[in-house]
Protein backbone atom coordinates (compact mmCIF):
# COMPACT_ATOMS: atom_id res chain seq x y z
CA MET A 1 -31.29 8.61 -3.26
CA THR A 2 -31.26 6.53 -6.42
CA ASP A 3 -32.57 7.89 -9.69
CA PRO A 4 -35.16 5.48 -11.15
CA VAL A 5 -33.89 6.07 -14.70
CA PRO A 6 -30.93 3.75 -15.42
CA SER A 7 -27.72 5.58 -16.23
CA PRO A 8 -26.39 5.12 -19.76
CA ASP A 9 -22.98 4.48 -18.18
CA ALA A 10 -24.26 1.72 -15.89
CA PRO A 11 -22.02 -1.38 -15.87
CA PRO A 12 -23.44 -4.62 -17.27
CA ARG A 13 -25.61 -6.26 -14.65
CA GLY A 14 -23.82 -9.56 -15.00
CA LEU A 15 -20.52 -7.99 -13.86
CA VAL A 16 -21.64 -6.28 -10.64
CA ARG A 17 -23.01 -7.72 -7.43
CA SER A 18 -23.57 -4.67 -5.24
CA PRO A 19 -26.55 -2.28 -5.69
CA LEU A 20 -24.01 0.53 -5.18
CA SER A 21 -22.34 -0.38 -8.51
CA ASP A 22 -25.27 0.46 -10.77
CA GLY A 23 -23.86 3.65 -12.32
CA GLU A 24 -26.03 5.92 -10.14
CA TRP A 25 -24.94 8.41 -7.49
CA HIS A 26 -24.96 7.04 -3.94
CA ARG A 27 -24.08 8.37 -0.51
CA LEU A 28 -21.68 6.90 1.99
CA HIS A 29 -22.61 5.22 5.26
CA PRO A 30 -24.73 7.49 7.53
CA LEU A 31 -22.17 7.14 10.34
CA THR A 32 -19.37 8.51 8.17
CA PRO A 33 -19.47 11.99 9.81
CA LEU A 34 -18.98 10.36 13.20
CA LEU A 35 -15.75 8.69 12.10
CA ARG A 36 -14.43 11.56 9.98
CA GLY A 37 -15.16 14.47 12.33
CA GLY A 38 -17.25 13.36 15.25
CA LEU A 39 -14.40 11.59 17.02
CA PHE A 40 -12.39 14.82 16.96
CA LEU A 41 -15.34 16.63 18.52
CA ILE A 42 -15.59 13.98 21.24
CA VAL A 43 -11.89 14.45 22.03
CA ILE A 44 -12.36 18.22 22.34
CA VAL A 45 -15.33 17.75 24.68
CA GLY A 46 -13.29 15.30 26.74
CA ILE A 47 -10.45 17.82 27.12
CA VAL A 48 -12.86 20.57 28.18
CA VAL A 49 -14.57 18.31 30.72
CA ALA A 50 -11.20 17.23 32.12
CA ASN A 51 -10.13 20.84 32.59
CA LEU A 52 -13.44 21.76 34.28
CA ARG A 53 -13.56 18.67 36.45
CA ASP A 54 -13.27 20.48 39.81
CA ARG A 55 -15.74 23.16 38.80
CA LEU A 56 -18.32 20.62 37.67
CA LEU A 57 -17.96 18.73 40.94
CA VAL A 58 -18.51 21.90 42.98
CA ILE A 59 -21.51 22.95 40.90
CA PHE A 60 -23.34 19.64 40.51
CA LEU A 61 -21.89 17.30 43.17
CA PRO A 62 -20.37 19.47 45.89
CA TRP A 63 -20.39 16.66 48.47
CA LEU A 64 -18.00 14.65 46.26
CA ALA A 65 -15.50 17.49 45.75
CA PRO A 66 -12.34 16.79 47.81
CA ASP A 67 -11.09 19.20 50.48
CA LEU A 68 -14.01 21.59 50.09
CA GLY A 69 -16.05 20.55 53.08
CA GLY A 70 -19.27 21.40 51.26
CA ASP A 71 -18.56 25.15 51.56
CA PHE A 72 -19.82 26.04 48.11
CA ASP A 73 -20.34 29.78 48.71
CA GLU A 74 -16.78 30.33 49.98
CA GLU A 75 -15.24 28.48 47.05
CA LEU A 76 -17.47 30.35 44.60
CA SER A 77 -16.42 33.70 46.06
CA GLU A 78 -12.75 32.76 45.57
CA TRP A 79 -13.43 31.93 41.90
CA GLU A 80 -15.33 35.18 41.43
CA GLY A 81 -12.31 37.10 42.69
CA SER A 82 -9.96 35.48 40.21
CA GLY A 83 -11.22 37.86 37.46
CA GLY A 84 -11.50 37.42 33.71
CA ASP A 85 -12.71 33.79 33.70
CA PRO A 86 -15.83 33.30 31.53
CA ILE A 87 -16.95 30.37 33.70
CA ASP A 88 -16.82 32.62 36.78
CA PHE A 89 -18.78 35.27 34.91
CA ILE A 90 -21.51 32.75 34.01
CA ILE A 91 -21.74 31.51 37.61
CA ALA A 92 -21.71 34.97 39.16
CA ASN A 93 -24.44 36.30 36.85
CA ASN A 94 -26.57 33.15 36.86
CA LEU A 95 -26.33 32.73 33.07
CA TYR A 96 -26.62 28.96 33.04
CA LEU A 97 -29.55 28.95 30.59
CA VAL A 98 -27.78 31.29 28.16
CA ALA A 99 -24.59 29.21 28.29
CA ALA A 100 -26.56 25.98 27.74
CA LEU A 101 -28.35 27.49 24.75
CA ALA A 102 -25.05 28.69 23.29
CA VAL A 103 -23.50 25.24 23.63
CA LEU A 104 -26.62 23.68 22.14
CA GLY A 105 -26.47 26.10 19.22
CA VAL A 106 -22.84 25.23 18.52
CA LEU A 107 -23.69 21.52 18.59
CA VAL A 108 -26.62 22.06 16.22
CA ILE A 109 -24.37 23.95 13.79
CA LEU A 110 -21.72 21.23 13.92
CA ILE A 111 -24.29 18.49 13.38
CA ALA A 112 -25.76 20.45 10.46
CA VAL A 113 -22.31 20.83 8.92
CA PHE A 114 -21.63 17.11 9.34
CA TYR A 115 -24.99 16.24 7.81
CA MET A 116 -24.53 18.56 4.84
CA SER A 117 -21.02 17.23 4.30
CA TRP A 118 -22.39 13.67 4.24
CA ARG A 119 -25.31 14.63 1.97
CA PHE A 120 -23.10 16.36 -0.60
CA HIS A 121 -20.49 13.58 -0.59
CA THR A 122 -21.61 11.09 -3.26
CA PHE A 123 -20.00 8.51 -5.48
CA ARG A 124 -20.84 6.32 -8.43
CA ILE A 125 -19.27 3.41 -10.29
CA THR A 126 -19.74 3.48 -14.04
CA ASP A 127 -18.60 1.22 -16.84
CA ASP A 128 -15.32 3.15 -17.15
CA ASP A 129 -14.43 4.85 -13.87
CA VAL A 130 -15.12 5.56 -10.20
CA GLU A 131 -16.26 9.12 -9.48
CA VAL A 132 -16.55 10.99 -6.17
CA ARG A 133 -18.18 14.40 -5.61
CA SER A 134 -17.74 16.29 -2.35
CA GLY A 135 -17.84 19.77 -0.84
CA ILE A 136 -20.56 22.19 0.29
CA LEU A 137 -19.33 25.62 -0.80
CA PHE A 138 -16.39 24.49 -2.92
CA ARG A 139 -17.31 21.42 -4.96
CA THR A 140 -14.72 18.78 -5.89
CA GLN A 141 -15.12 15.91 -8.33
CA ARG A 142 -12.54 13.16 -8.71
CA ARG A 143 -12.46 10.34 -11.22
CA ALA A 144 -10.37 7.16 -11.33
CA PRO A 145 -10.38 5.37 -14.71
CA LEU A 146 -10.87 1.65 -14.20
CA ASP A 147 -8.25 0.69 -16.78
CA ARG A 148 -5.64 2.56 -14.71
CA VAL A 149 -6.50 1.02 -11.34
CA GLN A 150 -3.31 -0.19 -9.62
CA GLY A 151 -5.05 -1.79 -6.66
CA VAL A 152 -7.93 -1.46 -4.23
CA ASN A 153 -7.28 -1.05 -0.49
CA LEU A 154 -9.81 -1.94 2.16
CA THR A 155 -8.90 -0.45 5.56
CA ARG A 156 -10.77 -1.27 8.76
CA PRO A 157 -9.66 0.92 11.68
CA MET A 158 -10.43 -0.47 15.11
CA ILE A 159 -13.40 1.83 15.89
CA ALA A 160 -14.79 1.43 12.36
CA ARG A 161 -14.57 -2.36 12.77
CA LEU A 162 -16.69 -2.16 15.91
CA LEU A 163 -19.34 -0.30 13.89
CA GLY A 164 -19.10 -2.73 10.96
CA MET A 165 -17.59 -0.16 8.59
CA ALA A 166 -14.55 0.02 6.31
CA LYS A 167 -12.71 2.52 4.14
CA LEU A 168 -12.20 1.76 0.44
CA GLU A 169 -9.35 3.37 -1.52
CA VAL A 170 -8.97 2.98 -5.27
CA VAL A 171 -5.27 3.33 -6.10
CA GLY A 172 -4.66 5.32 -9.27
CA ALA A 173 -1.65 5.55 -11.57
CA GLY A 174 -0.69 9.20 -11.08
CA ALA A 175 0.36 11.49 -8.30
CA ASP A 176 -2.49 12.21 -5.90
CA ALA A 177 -4.72 9.98 -8.04
CA ASN A 178 -6.32 7.85 -5.34
CA VAL A 179 -10.09 7.96 -4.85
CA LYS A 180 -11.38 7.21 -1.34
CA LEU A 181 -14.79 5.96 -0.26
CA GLU A 182 -14.84 6.42 3.50
CA TYR A 183 -16.88 4.87 4.93
CA LEU A 184 -19.05 1.97 3.74
CA SER A 185 -20.42 -1.01 5.59
CA THR A 186 -17.85 -3.78 5.35
CA SER A 187 -20.13 -6.08 3.38
CA ASN A 188 -20.80 -3.30 0.86
CA ALA A 189 -17.10 -2.41 0.73
CA GLU A 190 -16.18 -6.02 -0.08
CA ALA A 191 -18.81 -6.21 -2.81
CA VAL A 192 -17.89 -2.83 -4.32
CA ARG A 193 -14.21 -3.76 -4.35
CA ALA A 194 -14.99 -6.98 -6.20
CA ASP A 195 -17.12 -5.05 -8.70
CA ILE A 196 -14.34 -2.50 -9.35
CA LEU A 197 -11.77 -5.21 -9.96
CA ARG A 198 -14.16 -7.19 -12.15
CA LEU A 199 -14.85 -4.12 -14.30
CA ALA A 200 -11.15 -3.21 -14.46
CA SER A 201 -10.20 -6.71 -15.57
CA GLY A 202 -11.56 -6.28 -19.08
CA ARG A 203 -14.16 -8.98 -18.54
CA ARG A 204 -16.91 -6.57 -19.50
CA LEU A 205 -15.51 -6.29 -23.05
CA ALA A 206 -16.42 -9.92 -23.61
CA ASP A 207 -19.52 -10.10 -21.41
CA ALA A 208 -21.17 -6.72 -21.96
CA ALA A 209 -23.14 -7.80 -24.99
CA ALA A 210 -24.52 -10.88 -23.25
CA ALA A 211 -25.22 -9.03 -20.01
CA ALA A 212 -26.92 -6.00 -21.58
CA PRO A 213 -30.77 -5.88 -21.39
CA SER A 214 -32.81 -6.34 -24.54
CA PRO A 215 -33.68 -3.18 -26.55
CA GLY A 216 -37.36 -3.45 -25.65
CA SER A 217 -36.87 -3.63 -21.92
CA SER A 218 -37.75 -0.66 -19.71
CA PRO A 219 -37.41 0.13 -16.01
CA ARG A 220 -40.16 -1.06 -13.72
CA PRO A 221 -42.68 1.59 -12.64
CA ASP A 222 -41.91 0.92 -9.01
CA GLY A 223 -38.12 1.18 -9.50
CA ARG A 224 -37.75 4.25 -7.31
CA LEU A 225 -39.72 2.74 -4.43
CA SER A 226 -37.81 -0.54 -4.72
CA ALA A 227 -34.41 1.21 -4.73
CA LEU A 228 -35.45 3.35 -1.76
CA SER A 229 -36.59 0.33 0.25
CA GLN A 230 -33.37 -1.56 -0.58
CA THR A 231 -31.17 1.34 0.48
CA VAL A 232 -33.03 1.98 3.74
CA GLY A 233 -33.18 -1.72 4.56
CA ARG A 234 -29.49 -2.16 3.86
CA GLU A 235 -28.45 0.74 6.09
CA ILE A 236 -30.77 -0.25 8.96
CA THR A 237 -29.49 -3.81 8.78
CA GLY A 238 -25.91 -2.55 8.90
CA LEU A 239 -26.62 -0.42 11.96
CA ILE A 240 -28.35 -3.25 13.82
CA GLU A 241 -25.95 -6.06 12.98
CA GLY A 242 -22.81 -4.09 13.78
CA PRO A 243 -19.89 -6.33 12.76
CA GLU A 244 -19.63 -7.16 9.12
CA ALA A 245 -21.02 -10.27 7.54
CA PRO A 246 -18.50 -13.07 6.99
CA VAL A 247 -16.69 -13.01 3.67
CA ASP A 248 -14.75 -15.67 1.85
CA VAL A 249 -11.05 -15.18 2.56
CA PRO A 250 -8.66 -17.23 0.41
CA GLU A 251 -6.18 -19.33 2.31
CA SER A 252 -2.76 -17.73 2.62
CA VAL A 253 0.14 -19.45 0.89
CA VAL A 254 2.51 -18.24 3.63
CA ASN A 255 2.04 -18.36 7.39
CA ILE A 256 4.44 -16.37 9.59
CA PRO A 257 4.75 -17.73 13.16
CA PHE A 258 4.54 -15.10 15.88
CA GLY A 259 7.94 -16.13 17.29
CA ARG A 260 9.63 -15.68 13.91
CA LEU A 261 8.03 -12.28 13.45
CA VAL A 262 9.22 -11.02 16.86
CA ALA A 263 12.67 -12.55 16.43
CA SER A 264 13.11 -10.90 13.02
CA HIS A 265 12.57 -7.50 14.64
CA VAL A 266 14.85 -8.27 17.57
CA VAL A 267 17.64 -9.61 15.34
CA SER A 268 18.12 -6.43 13.32
CA MET A 269 20.72 -3.74 12.88
CA SER A 270 18.48 -1.15 14.54
CA THR A 271 18.33 -3.29 17.70
CA ILE A 272 22.11 -3.65 17.71
CA ALA A 273 22.48 0.11 17.26
CA LEU A 274 20.11 0.72 20.16
CA ILE A 275 22.00 -1.71 22.40
CA ALA A 276 25.29 -0.03 21.49
CA ALA A 277 23.78 3.38 22.30
CA ALA A 278 22.46 2.08 25.63
CA VAL A 279 25.91 0.74 26.53
CA ALA A 280 27.48 4.07 25.62
CA VAL A 281 24.94 5.91 27.77
CA GLY A 282 25.59 3.53 30.67
CA ILE A 283 29.31 4.15 30.44
CA GLY A 284 28.74 7.90 30.22
CA VAL A 285 26.42 7.94 33.25
CA SER A 286 28.93 5.92 35.28
CA LEU A 287 31.52 8.58 34.45
CA GLY A 288 29.21 11.34 35.62
CA VAL A 289 27.76 12.49 32.26
CA THR A 290 24.13 12.26 33.44
CA TRP A 291 22.66 14.34 30.61
CA LEU A 292 23.14 11.34 28.28
CA LEU A 293 20.44 9.49 30.22
CA PHE A 294 17.86 12.20 29.50
CA ALA A 295 18.92 12.32 25.84
CA MET A 296 18.40 8.56 25.55
CA VAL A 297 14.85 8.47 26.93
CA PRO A 298 13.12 9.91 23.80
CA THR A 299 15.12 7.48 21.64
CA LEU A 300 14.00 4.52 23.74
CA ILE A 301 10.37 5.64 23.60
CA GLY A 302 10.49 6.21 19.85
CA PHE A 303 12.20 2.91 19.13
CA GLY A 304 9.81 1.02 21.41
CA ALA A 305 6.80 2.55 19.68
CA TYR A 306 8.23 1.76 16.24
CA TRP A 307 9.11 -1.78 17.29
CA VAL A 308 5.65 -2.53 18.68
CA ARG A 309 3.89 -0.84 15.74
CA SER A 310 5.91 -2.87 13.23
CA ILE A 311 5.06 -6.15 14.93
CA VAL A 312 1.36 -5.32 15.38
CA ARG A 313 1.10 -4.17 11.78
CA SER A 314 2.62 -7.43 10.50
CA LEU A 315 0.36 -9.68 12.56
CA ARG A 316 -2.41 -11.54 10.75
CA TYR A 317 -0.33 -11.34 7.60
CA SER A 318 -1.66 -13.31 4.67
CA ILE A 319 -1.05 -13.40 0.95
CA ALA A 320 -3.21 -15.44 -1.39
CA PRO A 321 -4.28 -15.62 -5.04
CA THR A 322 -7.73 -14.45 -6.12
CA PRO A 323 -9.33 -14.25 -9.58
CA ASP A 324 -8.59 -10.50 -9.61
CA GLY A 325 -5.03 -10.48 -8.33
CA VAL A 326 -2.94 -11.08 -5.24
CA ARG A 327 -4.67 -10.39 -1.94
CA ILE A 328 -2.37 -9.06 0.82
CA THR A 329 -3.57 -8.45 4.38
CA PHE A 330 -1.77 -6.88 7.32
CA GLY A 331 -2.69 -5.67 10.78
CA LEU A 332 -4.09 -6.72 14.14
CA LEU A 333 -6.05 -3.71 15.43
CA THR A 334 -6.39 -1.88 12.11
CA THR A 335 -6.69 -4.39 9.28
CA VAL A 336 -5.63 -3.28 5.83
CA THR A 337 -6.30 -5.46 2.78
CA GLU A 338 -5.28 -4.78 -0.79
CA ILE A 339 -5.78 -6.74 -3.97
CA VAL A 340 -2.97 -6.01 -6.41
CA PRO A 341 -4.17 -6.82 -9.95
CA PRO A 342 -1.81 -8.61 -12.35
CA GLY A 343 0.74 -6.43 -14.07
CA ARG A 344 0.81 -3.77 -11.34
CA VAL A 345 4.13 -4.88 -9.83
CA HIS A 346 6.96 -3.00 -11.55
CA ALA A 347 9.93 -4.44 -9.66
CA LEU A 348 10.64 -6.95 -6.88
CA GLU A 349 13.57 -7.37 -4.54
CA VAL A 350 14.47 -10.36 -2.36
CA THR A 351 16.67 -9.24 0.55
CA GLN A 352 18.50 -11.03 3.35
CA PRO A 353 20.27 -9.05 6.11
CA ILE A 354 23.38 -10.72 7.46
CA LEU A 355 21.80 -11.29 10.87
CA TRP A 356 19.01 -13.33 9.26
CA ARG A 357 21.39 -15.63 7.41
CA PRO A 358 21.75 -18.30 10.14
CA ALA A 359 17.94 -18.67 10.27
CA GLY A 360 17.56 -18.59 6.47
CA TRP A 361 15.02 -15.74 6.50
CA TRP A 362 14.29 -13.41 3.59
CA MET A 363 12.17 -10.34 2.84
CA ILE A 364 10.40 -9.36 -0.39
CA ARG A 365 9.65 -5.76 -1.33
CA ILE A 366 8.09 -4.35 -4.49
CA ASN A 367 7.85 -1.14 -6.47
CA ARG A 368 4.32 -0.17 -7.40
CA LEU A 369 2.34 2.95 -8.21
CA THR A 370 0.72 4.23 -5.02
CA GLY A 371 -1.35 7.14 -6.35
CA ARG A 372 -0.28 9.33 -3.43
CA SER A 373 0.55 13.00 -3.52
CA ALA A 374 4.14 14.16 -3.51
CA GLY A 375 3.69 15.65 -0.02
CA ASP A 376 2.44 12.40 1.52
CA THR A 377 5.37 11.19 3.63
CA SER A 378 3.57 8.23 5.23
CA THR A 379 5.09 4.86 4.51
CA ASP A 380 3.35 2.46 2.17
CA GLN A 381 3.21 -0.84 4.01
CA PHE A 382 2.28 -2.70 0.84
CA THR A 383 5.79 -2.28 -0.54
CA THR A 384 6.71 -5.17 1.79
CA VAL A 385 4.80 -8.21 0.53
CA LEU A 386 6.74 -10.72 2.68
CA PRO A 387 8.01 -9.35 6.02
CA VAL A 388 10.04 -12.46 6.87
CA GLY A 389 9.99 -15.93 5.35
CA THR A 390 12.03 -18.95 4.37
CA ALA A 391 13.35 -19.69 0.89
CA ALA A 392 10.27 -21.83 0.24
CA ASP A 393 8.04 -18.90 1.26
CA VAL A 394 9.98 -16.65 -1.10
CA GLU A 395 9.34 -18.97 -4.03
CA ARG A 396 5.61 -19.17 -3.23
CA VAL A 397 5.25 -15.38 -3.11
CA LEU A 398 7.30 -14.85 -6.28
CA ARG A 399 5.14 -17.36 -8.12
CA LEU A 400 2.05 -15.39 -7.09
CA LEU A 401 3.47 -12.04 -8.17
CA GLN A 402 4.96 -13.34 -11.46
CA PRO A 403 2.57 -16.08 -12.62
CA HIS A 404 3.66 -15.94 -16.28
CA VAL A 405 7.25 -17.02 -15.64
CA PRO A 406 7.86 -20.47 -17.17
CA GLU A 407 8.17 -23.34 -14.71
CA ALA A 408 11.69 -24.16 -15.87
CA GLU A 409 12.96 -20.73 -14.78
CA TRP A 410 12.03 -20.99 -11.10
CA PRO A 411 14.81 -23.37 -10.00
CA LEU A 412 17.39 -20.99 -11.49
CA ILE A 413 15.76 -17.91 -9.97
CA VAL A 414 15.56 -19.41 -6.48
CA GLN A 415 18.77 -21.43 -6.38
CA GLU A 416 21.13 -19.10 -8.25
CA GLY A 417 19.40 -15.75 -7.92
CA VAL A 418 18.24 -15.85 -4.31
CA LEU A 419 20.63 -18.30 -2.64
CA GLY A 420 23.64 -17.35 -4.75
CA PRO A 421 26.07 -19.08 -7.11
CA GLY A 422 26.83 -22.73 -6.52
CA GLU A 423 28.74 -25.28 -8.57
CA THR A 424 27.12 -23.86 -11.70
CA ASP A 425 26.07 -20.28 -12.29
CA SER A 426 24.13 -18.92 -15.27
CA PHE A 427 24.61 -15.29 -14.22
CA THR A 428 27.17 -13.02 -15.85
CA ASN A 429 29.28 -11.79 -12.95
CA THR A 430 31.84 -9.04 -12.41
CA PRO A 431 35.13 -9.84 -14.19
CA ARG A 432 38.12 -10.59 -11.98
CA ARG A 433 40.00 -7.54 -13.21
CA ALA A 434 37.36 -5.35 -11.49
CA TRP A 435 37.37 -7.21 -8.14
CA TRP A 436 38.64 -4.08 -6.38
CA ILE A 437 35.38 -2.25 -7.20
CA ARG A 438 33.35 -4.94 -5.41
CA PRO A 439 36.02 -6.70 -3.31
CA LEU A 440 33.54 -8.75 -1.24
CA SER A 441 30.73 -9.39 -3.70
CA PHE A 442 32.37 -9.56 -7.14
CA ARG A 443 31.69 -13.32 -7.36
CA ARG A 444 27.98 -12.75 -6.62
CA ASN A 445 27.55 -9.44 -8.45
CA GLY A 446 25.91 -10.24 -11.80
CA PHE A 447 22.86 -10.25 -14.09
CA ARG A 448 20.73 -12.66 -16.07
CA LEU A 449 18.18 -11.93 -18.81
CA THR A 450 15.30 -14.30 -19.50
CA GLY A 451 12.29 -14.05 -21.76
CA ASP A 452 10.24 -12.48 -18.99
CA LEU A 453 12.61 -10.96 -16.43
CA LEU A 454 15.84 -9.08 -15.93
CA LEU A 455 17.59 -10.37 -12.79
CA LEU A 456 20.18 -8.23 -10.96
CA ARG A 457 22.06 -10.03 -8.17
CA ARG A 458 24.41 -8.24 -5.78
CA GLY A 459 25.62 -8.02 -2.20
CA VAL A 460 27.30 -10.37 0.27
CA ILE A 461 26.60 -8.79 3.65
CA TRP A 462 23.10 -7.82 2.50
CA ARG A 463 22.16 -10.30 -0.19
CA LYS A 464 19.79 -8.84 -2.75
CA LEU A 465 18.13 -9.99 -5.94
CA ALA A 466 16.24 -7.41 -8.01
CA ILE A 467 13.61 -8.94 -10.32
CA LEU A 468 12.45 -6.63 -13.11
CA PRO A 469 9.49 -7.75 -15.30
CA LEU A 470 10.31 -6.76 -18.86
CA PRO A 471 6.81 -5.40 -19.72
CA ARG A 472 7.12 -2.92 -16.82
CA LEU A 473 10.65 -1.78 -17.67
CA GLN A 474 10.61 1.92 -18.57
CA SER A 475 14.16 2.38 -19.87
CA LEU A 476 17.77 1.36 -19.38
CA GLY A 477 20.90 3.42 -18.85
CA LEU A 478 24.60 2.60 -18.99
CA HIS A 479 27.03 4.74 -17.00
CA GLN A 480 30.81 4.71 -16.97
CA GLY A 481 33.13 6.84 -14.87
CA PRO A 482 36.92 7.22 -15.23
CA LEU A 483 37.66 4.30 -12.89
CA ASP A 484 35.16 2.14 -14.76
CA ARG A 485 36.87 2.97 -18.06
CA MET A 486 40.22 1.92 -16.60
CA SER A 487 38.76 -1.52 -15.70
CA ARG A 488 36.58 -1.73 -18.87
CA VAL A 489 33.35 -2.12 -16.86
CA ALA A 490 30.08 -0.17 -16.70
CA THR A 491 27.10 0.40 -14.42
CA LEU A 492 23.58 -0.58 -15.47
CA ARG A 493 20.59 1.40 -14.24
CA ALA A 494 17.10 0.10 -14.93
CA HIS A 495 14.43 2.78 -14.71
CA VAL A 496 11.18 1.71 -13.05
CA VAL A 497 8.61 3.47 -10.88
CA THR A 498 9.82 4.87 -7.57
CA GLY A 499 10.00 2.46 -4.66
CA PRO A 500 12.31 0.59 -2.31
CA VAL A 501 13.78 -1.64 -5.04
CA TYR A 502 17.22 -0.42 -6.11
CA ALA A 503 17.55 -1.48 -9.76
CA ASN A 504 21.26 -0.74 -10.26
CA LEU A 505 24.19 -3.05 -10.92
CA SER A 506 27.78 -1.87 -11.10
CA ALA A 507 31.07 -3.38 -12.29
CA ILE A 508 29.61 -5.22 -15.31
CA ASP A 509 31.93 -6.14 -18.15
CA ARG A 510 31.65 -3.40 -20.77
CA ASP A 511 30.93 -5.63 -23.77
CA SER A 512 28.42 -7.71 -21.81
CA ALA A 513 26.74 -4.51 -20.65
CA LEU A 514 26.42 -3.24 -24.24
CA ALA A 515 24.96 -6.56 -25.37
CA LEU A 516 22.55 -6.56 -22.42
CA PHE A 517 21.54 -2.99 -23.21
CA ALA A 518 20.59 -3.86 -26.79
CA ASP A 519 18.92 -7.18 -26.10
CA ALA A 520 17.02 -6.10 -22.96
CA SER A 521 15.72 -3.03 -24.80
CA GLY A 522 14.34 -5.12 -27.65
CA ALA A 523 12.97 -7.77 -25.31
CA ALA A 524 11.23 -5.11 -23.21
CA VAL A 525 9.56 -3.58 -26.27
CA LEU A 526 8.29 -6.95 -27.47
CA ALA A 527 7.16 -7.94 -23.98
CA ALA A 528 5.24 -4.70 -23.55
CA SER A 529 3.58 -5.02 -26.97
CA GLY A 530 2.28 -8.48 -26.13
CA ASP A 531 1.41 -7.80 -22.50
CA ARG A 532 -2.31 -8.01 -21.65
CA SER A 533 -1.99 -8.10 -17.86
CA HIS A 534 -3.78 -4.75 -17.49
CA ARG A 535 -6.86 -6.56 -18.90
CA TRP A 536 -6.24 -9.87 -17.18
CA ALA A 537 -9.72 -11.30 -17.83
CA GLU A 538 -9.67 -10.83 -21.59
CA GLU A 539 -9.23 -13.95 -23.61
CA SER A 540 -7.86 -11.98 -26.55
CA PRO A 541 -7.08 -8.33 -27.37
CA VAL A 542 -9.79 -6.12 -28.74
CA GLY A 543 -10.23 -6.71 -32.43
CA GLY A 544 -9.28 -10.36 -32.38
CA GLY A 545 -5.88 -11.90 -32.61
CA SER A 546 -3.83 -13.28 -29.80
CA PRO A 547 -1.18 -11.46 -27.77
CA ALA A 548 2.40 -12.20 -28.57
CA PRO A 549 3.92 -14.44 -25.93
CA VAL A 550 6.28 -12.57 -23.64
CA GLY A 551 8.68 -15.46 -23.63
CA SER A 552 9.33 -15.03 -27.36
CA ALA A 553 11.14 -11.73 -26.85
CA LEU A 554 14.60 -13.23 -26.72
CA ASP A 555 13.88 -15.49 -29.68
CA ALA A 556 13.17 -12.39 -31.77
CA VAL A 557 16.19 -10.34 -30.66
CA GLY A 558 18.65 -13.16 -30.05
CA ALA A 559 20.13 -14.48 -26.83
CA VAL A 560 22.21 -12.14 -24.72
CA PRO A 561 25.89 -13.01 -25.05
CA GLY A 562 27.26 -14.06 -21.72
CA THR A 563 23.91 -14.53 -19.95
CA ALA A 564 23.89 -18.31 -20.06
CA GLY A 565 27.10 -19.28 -18.35
CA ALA A 566 29.63 -17.39 -20.49
CA VAL A 567 33.04 -16.80 -18.97
CA PRO A 568 33.02 -13.34 -17.34
CA GLY A 569 36.52 -12.45 -18.47
CA ALA A 570 36.06 -13.50 -22.09
CA ALA A 571 35.50 -9.92 -23.29
CA ASP A 572 38.70 -8.27 -22.10
CA GLU A 573 39.75 -6.95 -25.49
CA ALA A 574 39.89 -3.22 -26.05
CA SER A 575 36.67 -1.62 -27.19
CA PRO A 576 35.35 1.92 -27.47
CA PRO A 577 34.20 3.49 -24.19
CA VAL A 578 30.56 3.57 -23.29
CA ALA A 579 28.72 6.87 -23.42
CA PRO A 580 27.83 8.40 -20.03
CA GLU A 581 24.21 7.31 -20.49
CA GLU A 582 22.27 5.44 -23.13
CA ARG A 583 18.55 5.03 -22.89
CA ALA A 584 16.11 2.68 -24.53
């Protein structure tokens, strides 16, 4: 249980709300073994019972066994003659008591293993990190530094929701860096998540001195008894109440109607491909090629399962601002909620498939650190922060994810970046001499650099706008092949963390690309030096002084030539070729 002596690493009391965030070691919910291993055991028992159904009927309820006529001795003699069956051996030798004791012994061992696993699985939240210790024979200890937290997920599977429990996952910044607390009562999980985000925000740097106890204070003599009674009372209350206590959920800035969600999945290229395949199979079957029908059945089942799973996962979608970041929620049966702190989004992409264009629907995806291992092939549903929405929904979500962008920039980002060039266009587009490289999209293919963002616009059939925050930009590269040198253009590659956002732009005028390379590099350095989003609650950096405004980056390095409405073909003069790759 809880050590009565306060830990020297305990967070300031004014910054934590849950008794589980006191810097001491705590155990998970007592029903954790049931959800982590007990359900698997129940499935195994169910399979065994299903396979022994007829035998159990004959042994315990012979009058209910079909087609046996109550002749138990005759049926038993037939089973005894089958040979080699352990169940027959037990029945023939009247070893019911021995078999029952053996099964009981196995259950006792399993329960003991589950109990020891729960007892040795502990966690604590200190002033600097979240630590988890686990293992009986082979001990494991994991630690997630709070200043590297990329987000906190709260997952509530359907069965766990019925028991009032939830799984908490602290997303780290490295490969296989996530720390999981599975399971806690939902009320405790909500409180612990808020404590972790509050400690990671940097608020404790300003409040620790005021929240710390006076030097003469000492723990109460009855601290151990009080902590024990609080822990026992909390767990008993959680077991009795079942469903979690209500929590304050911020109102979503975007609401997706059910009809739009279903229609967006129906009106997709995958649906068209499936219809085309079904037509081809129908034609083949009519011509006598019946094996195509059997080959199509697994595809139909797989597509149907994916289609239903995608819709169910996107139901109850909400996205809303909180003091600790953007709260995103998905899911109908299994609800997953994550709060993404400021500064954890490394790239954004607004996409519109051609089939969505008549309805004016868009999708937003992001690149972010997931903390997963390299072998984890499961999809990260939080890379899609807006499954389907209108242009107004896109602007609302972008404003949440990039709150530091000046107000004057949003009309240009939405009108010119998302919707495309109109009568005026401030983007630097592909020069006309290179139209053959992008024959359909050369008028839309372009870039724009602001004091906070690098915008890459491309595509006509699939319209896309990549939004790259300068403080998160890792490096830049310029590439030029032989055909690019002939047309005096280059390809820009922005290097960010891995994700669905494709941060490349080809067929840029060579001189404009060189100017963008120099100016974006300097702007990114200045933006990163003045960025305090990883400590979003600090009023000023440690040691005094104020952070340099991100928007002043361009003022220091100069405006990018050609990024504010310059003529694309104005730099057609001969110039030295660009190196295969240049990095900032």
